[in-house]
């Protein structure tokens, strides 16, 4: 089993930045790679970015592309998502996810474990 715990969400002004983290734990955690999805209100969940087994980042087609940085701390089984120049359209629940197959392609069906999500609200 793998447990994923997100942190760092909250309310931020438009144009601001935010850093989300996801800590993974469990005996089999090394069998998985981790990434981020988000679900805006009334919309489908979409892939944001993930870390491959190689350590290379994979990035989704969302409008966050170019305004984010994903990194990992392997020793702490943690990934970090840094976002900047945030817009109200970035308001969403952000979910950490773990996959055995990686993020090329990234689909919800490839996700083995989900975190509970952390709310990000960007105000005008």
Protein backbone atom coordinates (compact mmCIF):
# COMPACT_ATOMS: atom_id res chain seq x y z
CA UNK A 1 0.00 0.00 0.00
CA UNK A 2 1.04 3.56 -0.67
CA UNK A 3 -0.22 6.57 1.22
CA UNK A 4 -0.03 10.05 -0.29
CA UNK A 5 -0.42 13.22 1.74
CA UNK A 6 -0.59 16.62 0.07
CA UNK A 7 0.11 19.93 1.73
CA UNK A 8 0.60 23.55 0.77
CA UNK A 9 -2.76 24.48 -0.69
CA UNK A 10 -4.65 27.58 0.26
CA UNK A 11 -5.80 30.99 -0.89
CA UNK A 12 -3.50 33.11 -3.01
CA UNK A 13 -3.91 36.36 -4.91
CA UNK A 14 -3.79 36.39 -8.69
CA UNK A 15 -0.21 36.70 -9.86
CA UNK A 16 1.10 34.99 -6.78
CA UNK A 17 2.87 31.71 -6.29
CA UNK A 18 2.31 28.57 -4.31
CA UNK A 19 4.26 25.46 -3.44
CA UNK A 20 2.58 22.11 -3.00
CA UNK A 21 4.22 19.03 -1.59
CA UNK A 22 3.26 15.38 -1.54
CA UNK A 23 4.79 12.90 0.85
CA UNK A 24 4.54 9.21 0.01
CA UNK A 25 4.88 6.35 2.43
CA UNK A 26 4.40 2.61 2.44
CA UNK A 27 6.43 -0.54 2.00
CA UNK A 28 6.05 -0.62 -1.79
CA UNK A 29 6.48 3.09 -2.44
CA UNK A 30 9.68 2.51 -4.45
CA UNK A 31 7.65 0.67 -7.13
CA UNK A 32 5.78 3.85 -8.06
CA UNK A 33 6.42 7.24 -9.55
CA UNK A 34 4.55 10.32 -8.44
CA UNK A 35 2.81 13.20 -10.10
CA UNK A 36 0.07 15.80 -9.86
CA UNK A 37 -3.43 16.16 -11.27
CA UNK A 38 -5.91 18.95 -10.72
CA UNK A 39 -9.68 19.25 -10.99
CA UNK A 40 -11.18 22.72 -11.44
CA UNK A 41 -14.79 23.24 -10.34
CA UNK A 42 -17.17 21.58 -12.77
CA UNK A 43 -14.37 20.21 -14.95
CA UNK A 44 -12.58 16.93 -15.49
CA UNK A 45 -9.48 15.97 -13.62
CA UNK A 46 -6.38 16.73 -15.67
CA UNK A 47 -2.72 15.83 -15.49
CA UNK A 48 -0.38 18.62 -14.46
CA UNK A 49 3.10 17.12 -14.16
CA UNK A 50 4.92 14.05 -12.92
CA UNK A 51 8.33 12.59 -12.23
CA UNK A 52 9.48 9.56 -14.23
CA UNK A 53 11.70 6.79 -12.89
CA UNK A 54 14.61 8.46 -14.60
CA UNK A 55 13.99 11.62 -12.61
CA UNK A 56 12.87 13.46 -15.73
CA UNK A 57 9.76 15.56 -15.50
CA UNK A 58 6.73 15.03 -17.70
CA UNK A 59 4.34 17.92 -18.23
CA UNK A 60 0.69 17.96 -19.12
CA UNK A 61 -1.15 20.19 -21.58
CA UNK A 62 -2.72 22.45 -18.98
CA UNK A 63 -2.35 26.21 -18.94
CA UNK A 64 0.08 25.80 -16.07
CA UNK A 65 2.75 24.67 -18.54
CA UNK A 66 5.57 27.15 -18.36
CA UNK A 67 4.42 28.39 -14.96
CA UNK A 68 5.43 25.41 -12.87
CA UNK A 69 8.37 23.44 -11.66
CA UNK A 70 8.27 19.86 -10.41
CA UNK A 71 11.01 18.29 -8.36
CA UNK A 72 11.57 15.39 -6.03
CA UNK A 73 13.35 14.63 -2.82
CA UNK A 74 13.95 10.91 -3.14
CA UNK A 75 15.32 10.57 0.37
CA UNK A 76 12.04 11.85 1.78
CA UNK A 77 9.77 10.23 -0.86
CA UNK A 78 8.41 13.68 -1.56
CA UNK A 79 7.58 15.63 -4.70
CA UNK A 80 7.21 19.39 -4.88
CA UNK A 81 5.07 21.39 -7.28
CA UNK A 82 5.94 25.06 -7.53
CA UNK A 83 3.49 27.31 -9.36
CA UNK A 84 3.70 31.00 -10.13
CA UNK A 85 1.80 33.73 -11.94
CA UNK A 86 -1.32 32.01 -10.75
CA UNK A 87 -4.66 32.92 -12.28
CA UNK A 88 -8.24 32.39 -11.10
CA UNK A 89 -8.47 29.64 -13.73
CA UNK A 90 -5.88 27.72 -11.74
CA UNK A 91 -8.38 27.31 -8.91
CA UNK A 92 -8.80 23.59 -8.40
CA UNK A 93 -8.34 20.68 -6.08
CA UNK A 94 -4.83 19.43 -6.66
CA UNK A 95 -4.28 15.70 -6.23
CA UNK A 96 -1.08 13.80 -5.75
CA UNK A 97 -0.98 10.49 -7.62
CA UNK A 98 1.20 7.39 -7.80
CA UNK A 99 1.59 5.21 -10.88
CA UNK A 100 3.46 2.03 -11.79
CA UNK A 101 3.60 2.93 -15.47
CA UNK A 102 4.74 6.53 -15.44
CA UNK A 103 3.25 9.58 -17.08
CA UNK A 104 3.73 8.95 -20.79
CA UNK A 105 0.86 8.99 -21.33
CA UNK A 106 -0.76 10.25 -18.16
CA UNK A 107 -4.30 9.00 -17.61
CA UNK A 108 -6.48 8.52 -14.57
CA UNK A 109 -6.58 4.78 -15.23
CA UNK A 110 -2.80 4.57 -14.85
CA UNK A 111 -3.03 5.94 -11.31
CA UNK A 112 -2.82 3.32 -8.59
CA UNK A 113 -3.14 5.61 -5.58
CA UNK A 114 -4.57 9.07 -5.01
CA UNK A 115 -4.06 11.56 -2.27
CA UNK A 116 -7.09 13.24 -0.74
CA UNK A 117 -6.35 16.49 -2.55
CA UNK A 118 -5.53 20.00 -1.46
CA UNK A 119 -7.60 23.04 -2.41
CA UNK A 120 -5.94 25.88 -4.28
CA UNK A 121 -8.01 29.04 -4.65
CA UNK A 122 -6.74 31.99 -6.67
CA UNK A 123 -8.63 35.21 -6.09
CA UNK A 124 -8.86 38.19 -8.42
